[in-house]
Amino acid sequence: MIIGRLNDLVESKAFTEKLQSKLLFLKEADFSQAPAGRHEISEDLFFFLNEYETKESEDCFWEAHQKYLDFHYILEGKENIAVDHFENQRIIETYNEEKDAIFFEGDVHSMMTMNPGDVMICFPEDSHMAGIIAEKKQKVRKVVLKVKI
């Protein structure tokens, strides 16, 4: 998992060309007029523009992916994202190829507060639970860029 301010990650140039190009895509794209939902870019790349209100962690879910990396990029609002290694959790729904997701249950041990301009890259071993209240319930608008591995 990689977490940081998008501008800092782009400027660091510390990533593979594939990751760096996706960070640049997030930096240069204009998401202001994009409606909520799925947006296809290419066969190996798409994004969801998500808009939701944050919730208590008990009302959220743990997941991990095998075919795609997740780039969570916060546009508006603030949320907490719980993170863990998938081996520390119990599988409650085995891998669903259509959804590219495994669902888990487990305790929250680590949580990152994500603000506008922050990005989190989740790899296949990173289980994550997004949409958790940070300070107070609020609307979040974010991009989840899905990058084929």
N, C-alpha and C. Protein backbone atom coordinates (compact mmCIF):
# COMPACT_ATOMS: atom_id res chain seq x y z
N MET A 1 0.84 -1.16 0.00
CA MET A 1 0.00 0.00 0.00
C MET A 1 0.89 1.23 0.00
N ILE A 2 0.45 2.21 -0.74
CA ILE A 2 1.16 3.49 -0.82
C ILE A 2 0.13 4.58 -0.52
N ILE A 3 0.50 5.50 0.36
CA ILE A 3 -0.40 6.58 0.75
C ILE A 3 0.36 7.89 0.72
N GLY A 4 -0.26 8.94 0.21
CA GLY A 4 0.37 10.25 0.24
C GLY A 4 -0.46 11.29 -0.50
N ARG A 5 0.06 12.50 -0.51
CA ARG A 5 -0.55 13.58 -1.29
C ARG A 5 -0.23 13.31 -2.76
N LEU A 6 -1.21 13.43 -3.63
CA LEU A 6 -1.01 13.12 -5.05
C LEU A 6 0.15 13.92 -5.62
N ASN A 7 0.20 15.21 -5.38
CA ASN A 7 1.28 16.04 -5.94
C ASN A 7 2.65 15.57 -5.48
N ASP A 8 2.76 15.19 -4.21
CA ASP A 8 4.04 14.72 -3.69
C ASP A 8 4.46 13.41 -4.34
N LEU A 9 3.50 12.49 -4.51
CA LEU A 9 3.81 11.21 -5.14
C LEU A 9 4.23 11.39 -6.58
N VAL A 10 3.56 12.28 -7.31
CA VAL A 10 3.93 12.54 -8.71
C VAL A 10 5.33 13.13 -8.77
N GLU A 11 5.63 14.10 -7.93
CA GLU A 11 6.93 14.76 -7.93
C GLU A 11 8.06 13.85 -7.51
N SER A 12 7.78 12.85 -6.69
CA SER A 12 8.85 11.98 -6.18
C SER A 12 9.49 11.15 -7.29
N LYS A 13 8.73 10.82 -8.31
CA LYS A 13 9.20 9.99 -9.43
C LYS A 13 9.88 8.71 -8.93
N ALA A 14 9.35 8.16 -7.84
CA ALA A 14 9.94 6.97 -7.22
C ALA A 14 9.25 5.68 -7.63
N PHE A 15 8.34 5.75 -8.58
CA PHE A 15 7.52 4.60 -8.91
C PHE A 15 7.82 4.07 -10.30
N THR A 16 7.34 2.86 -10.56
CA THR A 16 7.49 2.29 -11.89
C THR A 16 6.76 3.19 -12.89
N GLU A 17 7.10 3.04 -14.14
CA GLU A 17 6.46 3.85 -15.19
C GLU A 17 4.95 3.65 -15.19
N LYS A 18 4.50 2.42 -14.96
CA LYS A 18 3.06 2.12 -14.95
C LYS A 18 2.36 2.89 -13.82
N LEU A 19 2.90 2.83 -12.62
CA LEU A 19 2.28 3.55 -11.50
C LEU A 19 2.39 5.05 -11.69
N GLN A 20 3.54 5.51 -12.14
CA GLN A 20 3.74 6.95 -12.33
C GLN A 20 2.76 7.52 -13.36
N SER A 21 2.52 6.77 -14.44
CA SER A 21 1.60 7.27 -15.46
C SER A 21 0.17 7.36 -14.92
N LYS A 22 -0.21 6.46 -14.03
CA LYS A 22 -1.56 6.51 -13.46
C LYS A 22 -1.68 7.65 -12.45
N LEU A 23 -0.62 7.93 -11.71
CA LEU A 23 -0.63 9.09 -10.82
C LEU A 23 -0.75 10.38 -11.63
N LEU A 24 -0.03 10.45 -12.74
CA LEU A 24 -0.14 11.62 -13.63
C LEU A 24 -1.55 11.75 -14.21
N PHE A 25 -2.16 10.62 -14.55
CA PHE A 25 -3.53 10.65 -15.05
C PHE A 25 -4.45 11.30 -14.01
N LEU A 26 -4.33 10.86 -12.76
CA LEU A 26 -5.17 11.44 -11.70
C LEU A 26 -4.92 12.93 -11.54
N LYS A 27 -3.66 13.32 -11.64
CA LYS A 27 -3.31 14.74 -11.47
C LYS A 27 -3.86 15.61 -12.61
N GLU A 28 -3.81 15.10 -13.82
CA GLU A 28 -4.14 15.91 -15.00
C GLU A 28 -5.61 15.84 -15.41
N ALA A 29 -6.32 14.82 -14.99
CA ALA A 29 -7.72 14.66 -15.42
C ALA A 29 -8.61 15.68 -14.72
N ASP A 30 -9.65 16.10 -15.42
CA ASP A 30 -10.65 17.00 -14.85
C ASP A 30 -11.87 16.17 -14.52
N PHE A 31 -12.05 15.89 -13.24
CA PHE A 31 -13.18 15.08 -12.79
C PHE A 31 -14.37 15.93 -12.37
N SER A 32 -14.26 17.26 -12.50
CA SER A 32 -15.28 18.16 -11.97
C SER A 32 -16.65 17.95 -12.61
N GLN A 33 -16.70 17.58 -13.87
CA GLN A 33 -17.98 17.40 -14.56
C GLN A 33 -18.37 15.93 -14.73
N ALA A 34 -17.54 15.04 -14.26
CA ALA A 34 -17.82 13.60 -14.42
C ALA A 34 -18.96 13.19 -13.50
N PRO A 35 -19.95 12.50 -14.04
CA PRO A 35 -21.03 12.01 -13.19
C PRO A 35 -20.57 10.80 -12.38
N ALA A 36 -21.29 10.53 -11.31
CA ALA A 36 -21.00 9.34 -10.52
C ALA A 36 -21.18 8.10 -11.39
N GLY A 37 -20.39 7.07 -11.12
CA GLY A 37 -20.50 5.82 -11.85
C GLY A 37 -19.19 5.39 -12.47
N ARG A 38 -19.30 4.37 -13.30
CA ARG A 38 -18.12 3.76 -13.93
C ARG A 38 -17.79 4.49 -15.23
N HIS A 39 -16.49 4.70 -15.46
CA HIS A 39 -16.00 5.39 -16.66
C HIS A 39 -14.87 4.55 -17.27
N GLU A 40 -15.07 4.06 -18.47
CA GLU A 40 -14.07 3.24 -19.17
C GLU A 40 -13.02 4.14 -19.80
N ILE A 41 -11.77 3.76 -19.67
CA ILE A 41 -10.67 4.49 -20.31
C ILE A 41 -10.03 3.61 -21.36
N SER A 42 -9.72 2.38 -20.98
CA SER A 42 -9.15 1.41 -21.91
C SER A 42 -9.49 0.02 -21.40
N GLU A 43 -9.02 -0.99 -22.10
CA GLU A 43 -9.29 -2.37 -21.70
C GLU A 43 -8.71 -2.67 -20.31
N ASP A 44 -7.62 -2.02 -19.95
CA ASP A 44 -6.92 -2.29 -18.69
C ASP A 44 -7.08 -1.21 -17.65
N LEU A 45 -7.95 -0.24 -17.92
CA LEU A 45 -8.03 0.92 -17.02
C LEU A 45 -9.44 1.52 -17.05
N PHE A 46 -10.00 1.71 -15.87
CA PHE A 46 -11.28 2.41 -15.73
C PHE A 46 -11.32 3.03 -14.35
N PHE A 47 -12.33 3.87 -14.12
CA PHE A 47 -12.49 4.43 -12.79
C PHE A 47 -13.96 4.54 -12.42
N PHE A 48 -14.17 4.52 -11.12
CA PHE A 48 -15.48 4.81 -10.56
C PHE A 48 -15.38 6.20 -9.95
N LEU A 49 -16.35 7.03 -10.24
CA LEU A 49 -16.48 8.28 -9.51
C LEU A 49 -17.57 8.01 -8.48
N ASN A 50 -17.17 7.99 -7.22
CA ASN A 50 -18.07 7.64 -6.12
C ASN A 50 -18.46 8.88 -5.33
N GLU A 51 -19.71 8.95 -4.98
CA GLU A 51 -20.22 10.00 -4.11
C GLU A 51 -21.06 9.32 -3.04
N TYR A 52 -20.73 9.53 -1.78
CA TYR A 52 -21.46 8.89 -0.69
C TYR A 52 -21.23 9.65 0.60
N GLU A 53 -22.02 9.30 1.59
CA GLU A 53 -21.85 9.86 2.92
C GLU A 53 -21.11 8.83 3.76
N THR A 54 -20.14 9.29 4.54
CA THR A 54 -19.37 8.38 5.38
C THR A 54 -20.27 7.73 6.43
N LYS A 55 -19.84 6.55 6.90
CA LYS A 55 -20.64 5.75 7.84
C LYS A 55 -19.74 5.24 8.97
N GLU A 56 -20.38 4.68 9.96
CA GLU A 56 -19.66 3.98 11.03
C GLU A 56 -18.98 2.76 10.42
N SER A 57 -17.86 2.34 10.98
CA SER A 57 -17.12 1.20 10.42
C SER A 57 -17.96 -0.08 10.42
N GLU A 58 -18.89 -0.23 11.38
CA GLU A 58 -19.74 -1.42 11.42
C GLU A 58 -20.64 -1.52 10.19
N ASP A 59 -20.85 -0.40 9.50
CA ASP A 59 -21.71 -0.38 8.32
C ASP A 59 -20.91 -0.43 7.02
N CYS A 60 -19.61 -0.61 7.12
CA CYS A 60 -18.72 -0.69 5.94
C CYS A 60 -18.22 -2.12 5.80
N PHE A 61 -17.43 -2.40 4.78
CA PHE A 61 -16.96 -3.77 4.56
C PHE A 61 -15.50 -3.80 4.13
N TRP A 62 -14.84 -4.90 4.49
CA TRP A 62 -13.46 -5.16 4.08
C TRP A 62 -13.47 -5.84 2.72
N GLU A 63 -12.51 -5.46 1.86
CA GLU A 63 -12.37 -6.10 0.55
C GLU A 63 -10.91 -6.05 0.12
N ALA A 64 -10.59 -6.92 -0.84
CA ALA A 64 -9.29 -6.89 -1.51
C ALA A 64 -9.53 -7.37 -2.94
N HIS A 65 -8.58 -7.08 -3.82
CA HIS A 65 -8.75 -7.37 -5.25
C HIS A 65 -7.55 -8.15 -5.77
N GLN A 66 -7.75 -8.91 -6.83
CA GLN A 66 -6.67 -9.70 -7.41
C GLN A 66 -6.25 -9.24 -8.80
N LYS A 67 -7.18 -8.74 -9.61
CA LYS A 67 -6.87 -8.36 -10.99
C LYS A 67 -6.50 -6.90 -11.16
N TYR A 68 -6.98 -6.05 -10.26
CA TYR A 68 -6.80 -4.61 -10.41
C TYR A 68 -6.25 -3.99 -9.12
N LEU A 69 -5.36 -3.02 -9.30
CA LEU A 69 -4.96 -2.16 -8.19
C LEU A 69 -6.04 -1.12 -8.02
N ASP A 70 -6.24 -0.67 -6.80
CA ASP A 70 -7.17 0.43 -6.51
C ASP A 70 -6.36 1.67 -6.17
N PHE A 71 -6.64 2.76 -6.87
CA PHE A 71 -6.10 4.07 -6.52
C PHE A 71 -7.27 4.88 -5.96
N HIS A 72 -7.33 5.08 -4.66
CA HIS A 72 -8.40 5.88 -4.04
C HIS A 72 -7.90 7.33 -4.00
N TYR A 73 -8.57 8.21 -4.73
CA TYR A 73 -8.16 9.61 -4.82
C TYR A 73 -9.31 10.49 -4.35
N ILE A 74 -9.10 11.21 -3.26
CA ILE A 74 -10.15 12.01 -2.65
C ILE A 74 -10.25 13.37 -3.34
N LEU A 75 -11.45 13.66 -3.85
CA LEU A 75 -11.70 14.95 -4.50
C LEU A 75 -12.32 15.94 -3.50
N GLU A 76 -13.31 15.50 -2.75
CA GLU A 76 -14.01 16.36 -1.79
C GLU A 76 -14.34 15.54 -0.55
N GLY A 77 -14.35 16.19 0.59
CA GLY A 77 -14.71 15.54 1.83
C GLY A 77 -13.52 14.85 2.48
N LYS A 78 -13.81 14.18 3.55
CA LYS A 78 -12.78 13.50 4.34
C LYS A 78 -13.35 12.17 4.80
N GLU A 79 -12.54 11.12 4.68
CA GLU A 79 -12.96 9.81 5.14
C GLU A 79 -11.79 9.08 5.75
N ASN A 80 -12.12 8.09 6.56
CA ASN A 80 -11.11 7.17 7.04
C ASN A 80 -11.18 5.91 6.20
N ILE A 81 -10.01 5.34 5.92
CA ILE A 81 -9.94 4.04 5.25
C ILE A 81 -9.14 3.13 6.16
N ALA A 82 -9.77 2.05 6.61
CA ALA A 82 -9.09 1.04 7.41
C ALA A 82 -8.26 0.16 6.47
N VAL A 83 -7.09 -0.25 6.93
CA VAL A 83 -6.19 -1.05 6.10
C VAL A 83 -5.61 -2.19 6.92
N ASP A 84 -5.33 -3.29 6.24
CA ASP A 84 -4.74 -4.45 6.90
C ASP A 84 -4.17 -5.35 5.82
N HIS A 85 -3.41 -6.35 6.23
CA HIS A 85 -2.97 -7.39 5.32
C HIS A 85 -4.06 -8.45 5.31
N PHE A 86 -4.43 -8.94 4.14
CA PHE A 86 -5.56 -9.85 4.03
C PHE A 86 -5.39 -11.10 4.89
N GLU A 87 -4.16 -11.52 5.17
CA GLU A 87 -3.94 -12.72 5.98
C GLU A 87 -4.37 -12.53 7.44
N ASN A 88 -4.58 -11.29 7.87
CA ASN A 88 -5.00 -11.03 9.24
C ASN A 88 -6.51 -11.07 9.40
N GLN A 89 -7.22 -11.41 8.33
CA GLN A 89 -8.67 -11.37 8.36
C GLN A 89 -9.27 -12.69 7.92
N ARG A 90 -10.54 -12.84 8.20
CA ARG A 90 -11.25 -14.06 7.86
C ARG A 90 -12.11 -13.81 6.63
N ILE A 91 -11.98 -14.69 5.64
CA ILE A 91 -12.76 -14.57 4.40
C ILE A 91 -14.22 -14.89 4.70
N ILE A 92 -15.11 -14.00 4.29
CA ILE A 92 -16.55 -14.27 4.43
C ILE A 92 -17.21 -14.50 3.08
N GLU A 93 -16.54 -14.06 2.01
CA GLU A 93 -17.03 -14.34 0.65
C GLU A 93 -15.80 -14.55 -0.22
N THR A 94 -15.65 -15.76 -0.77
CA THR A 94 -14.48 -16.08 -1.57
C THR A 94 -14.44 -15.21 -2.82
N TYR A 95 -13.31 -15.29 -3.50
CA TYR A 95 -13.06 -14.43 -4.65
C TYR A 95 -14.18 -14.55 -5.68
N ASN A 96 -14.70 -13.39 -6.07
CA ASN A 96 -15.71 -13.28 -7.11
C ASN A 96 -15.02 -12.62 -8.30
N GLU A 97 -14.80 -13.39 -9.36
CA GLU A 97 -14.06 -12.88 -10.52
C GLU A 97 -14.78 -11.71 -11.19
N GLU A 98 -16.09 -11.76 -11.26
CA GLU A 98 -16.85 -10.69 -11.91
C GLU A 98 -16.67 -9.35 -11.15
N LYS A 99 -16.68 -9.41 -9.84
CA LYS A 99 -16.50 -8.21 -9.01
C LYS A 99 -15.03 -7.92 -8.72
N ASP A 100 -14.15 -8.87 -9.05
CA ASP A 100 -12.74 -8.81 -8.67
C ASP A 100 -12.61 -8.43 -7.19
N ALA A 101 -13.26 -9.22 -6.36
CA ALA A 101 -13.24 -8.90 -4.94
C ALA A 101 -13.34 -10.15 -4.08
N ILE A 102 -12.64 -10.08 -2.97
CA ILE A 102 -12.77 -11.02 -1.86
C ILE A 102 -13.25 -10.15 -0.69
N PHE A 103 -14.22 -10.66 0.06
CA PHE A 103 -14.74 -9.90 1.19
C PHE A 103 -14.33 -10.58 2.49
N PHE A 104 -14.01 -9.76 3.46
CA PHE A 104 -13.47 -10.23 4.73
C PHE A 104 -14.24 -9.65 5.90
N GLU A 105 -13.94 -10.21 7.07
CA GLU A 105 -14.31 -9.54 8.31
C GLU A 105 -13.09 -9.60 9.22
N GLY A 106 -12.98 -8.60 10.04
CA GLY A 106 -11.85 -8.51 10.96
C GLY A 106 -11.89 -7.20 11.70
N ASP A 107 -11.04 -7.11 12.69
CA ASP A 107 -10.97 -5.90 13.49
C ASP A 107 -10.22 -4.80 12.76
N VAL A 108 -10.52 -3.57 13.13
CA VAL A 108 -9.81 -2.42 12.59
C VAL A 108 -8.63 -2.11 13.51
N HIS A 109 -7.42 -2.28 12.97
CA HIS A 109 -6.21 -1.98 13.74
C HIS A 109 -5.51 -0.73 13.22
N SER A 110 -5.59 -0.49 11.91
CA SER A 110 -4.95 0.68 11.31
C SER A 110 -5.96 1.43 10.45
N MET A 111 -5.95 2.75 10.60
CA MET A 111 -6.87 3.57 9.85
C MET A 111 -6.14 4.82 9.39
N MET A 112 -6.38 5.18 8.14
CA MET A 112 -5.76 6.37 7.56
C MET A 112 -6.86 7.39 7.27
N THR A 113 -6.62 8.63 7.67
CA THR A 113 -7.55 9.71 7.34
C THR A 113 -7.15 10.28 5.99
N MET A 114 -8.10 10.29 5.08
CA MET A 114 -7.86 10.74 3.71
C MET A 114 -8.59 12.06 3.49
N ASN A 115 -7.83 13.07 3.03
CA ASN A 115 -8.32 14.42 2.77
C ASN A 115 -8.27 14.69 1.27
N PRO A 116 -8.94 15.75 0.80
CA PRO A 116 -8.84 16.09 -0.61
C PRO A 116 -7.38 16.22 -1.06
N GLY A 117 -7.07 15.57 -2.18
CA GLY A 117 -5.70 15.57 -2.69
C GLY A 117 -4.89 14.36 -2.27
N ASP A 118 -5.42 13.54 -1.36
CA ASP A 118 -4.72 12.33 -0.91
C ASP A 118 -5.05 11.18 -1.84
N VAL A 119 -4.09 10.27 -1.97
CA VAL A 119 -4.30 9.06 -2.76
C VAL A 119 -3.75 7.87 -1.98
N MET A 120 -4.45 6.76 -2.10
CA MET A 120 -4.01 5.49 -1.51
C MET A 120 -4.03 4.45 -2.61
N ILE A 121 -2.93 3.75 -2.79
CA ILE A 121 -2.84 2.68 -3.77
C ILE A 121 -2.88 1.36 -3.00
N CYS A 122 -3.87 0.53 -3.30
CA CYS A 122 -4.03 -0.76 -2.65
C CYS A 122 -3.63 -1.87 -3.61
N PHE A 123 -2.75 -2.74 -3.13
CA PHE A 123 -2.27 -3.89 -3.88
C PHE A 123 -3.09 -5.13 -3.49
N PRO A 124 -2.93 -6.27 -4.18
CA PRO A 124 -3.75 -7.44 -3.89
C PRO A 124 -3.71 -7.92 -2.43
N GLU A 125 -2.62 -7.73 -1.75
CA GLU A 125 -2.52 -8.18 -0.36
C GLU A 125 -3.11 -7.19 0.64
N ASP A 126 -3.53 -6.03 0.17
CA ASP A 126 -4.05 -4.98 1.03
C ASP A 126 -5.57 -5.04 1.13
N SER A 127 -6.06 -5.53 2.25
CA SER A 127 -7.50 -5.43 2.47
C SER A 127 -7.78 -4.01 2.95
N HIS A 128 -8.91 -3.49 2.56
CA HIS A 128 -9.23 -2.11 2.90
C HIS A 128 -10.74 -1.95 3.08
N MET A 129 -11.10 -0.99 3.91
CA MET A 129 -12.48 -0.66 4.19
C MET A 129 -12.61 0.85 4.09
N ALA A 130 -13.28 1.32 3.07
CA ALA A 130 -13.41 2.76 2.81
C ALA A 130 -14.75 3.28 3.31
N GLY A 131 -14.85 4.61 3.34
CA GLY A 131 -16.12 5.26 3.64
C GLY A 131 -16.42 5.44 5.11
N ILE A 132 -15.41 5.32 5.95
CA ILE A 132 -15.62 5.42 7.40
C ILE A 132 -15.57 6.88 7.83
N ILE A 133 -16.44 7.23 8.77
CA ILE A 133 -16.50 8.59 9.29
C ILE A 133 -15.14 9.04 9.81
N ALA A 134 -14.74 10.25 9.43
CA ALA A 134 -13.55 10.92 9.97
C ALA A 134 -14.05 12.20 10.62
N GLU A 135 -14.01 12.27 11.92
CA GLU A 135 -14.48 13.41 12.70
C GLU A 135 -15.99 13.51 12.74
N LYS A 136 -16.63 13.66 11.57
CA LYS A 136 -18.09 13.76 11.51
C LYS A 136 -18.57 13.15 10.20
N LYS A 137 -19.82 12.77 10.16
CA LYS A 137 -20.43 12.23 8.95
C LYS A 137 -20.39 13.32 7.88
N GLN A 138 -19.96 12.98 6.67
CA GLN A 138 -19.91 13.97 5.60
C GLN A 138 -19.93 13.31 4.24
N LYS A 139 -20.22 14.11 3.23
CA LYS A 139 -20.23 13.64 1.85
C LYS A 139 -18.79 13.55 1.34
N VAL A 140 -18.50 12.47 0.66
CA VAL A 140 -17.19 12.28 0.03
C VAL A 140 -17.41 12.10 -1.46
N ARG A 141 -16.56 12.72 -2.23
CA ARG A 141 -16.53 12.55 -3.68
C ARG A 141 -15.11 12.12 -4.00
N LYS A 142 -14.99 10.93 -4.61
CA LYS A 142 -13.66 10.43 -4.88
C LYS A 142 -13.63 9.58 -6.14
N VAL A 143 -12.42 9.41 -6.65
CA VAL A 143 -12.17 8.56 -7.80
C VAL A 143 -11.49 7.29 -7.28
N VAL A 144 -11.99 6.15 -7.75
CA VAL A 144 -11.28 4.89 -7.52
C VAL A 144 -10.84 4.42 -8.90
N LEU A 145 -9.57 4.64 -9.17
CA LEU A 145 -8.98 4.23 -10.44
C LEU A 145 -8.60 2.77 -10.35
N LYS A 146 -9.05 1.97 -11.30
CA LYS A 146 -8.78 0.53 -11.32
C LYS A 146 -7.77 0.25 -12.42
N VAL A 147 -6.59 -0.25 -12.01
CA VAL A 147 -5.47 -0.47 -12.92
C VAL A 147 -5.19 -1.97 -12.99
N LYS A 148 -5.34 -2.53 -14.17
CA LYS A 148 -5.11 -3.98 -14.34
C LYS A 148 -3.65 -4.31 -14.02
N ILE A 149 -3.48 -5.38 -13.25
CA ILE A 149 -2.14 -5.81 -12.85
C ILE A 149 -1.48 -6.56 -14.00
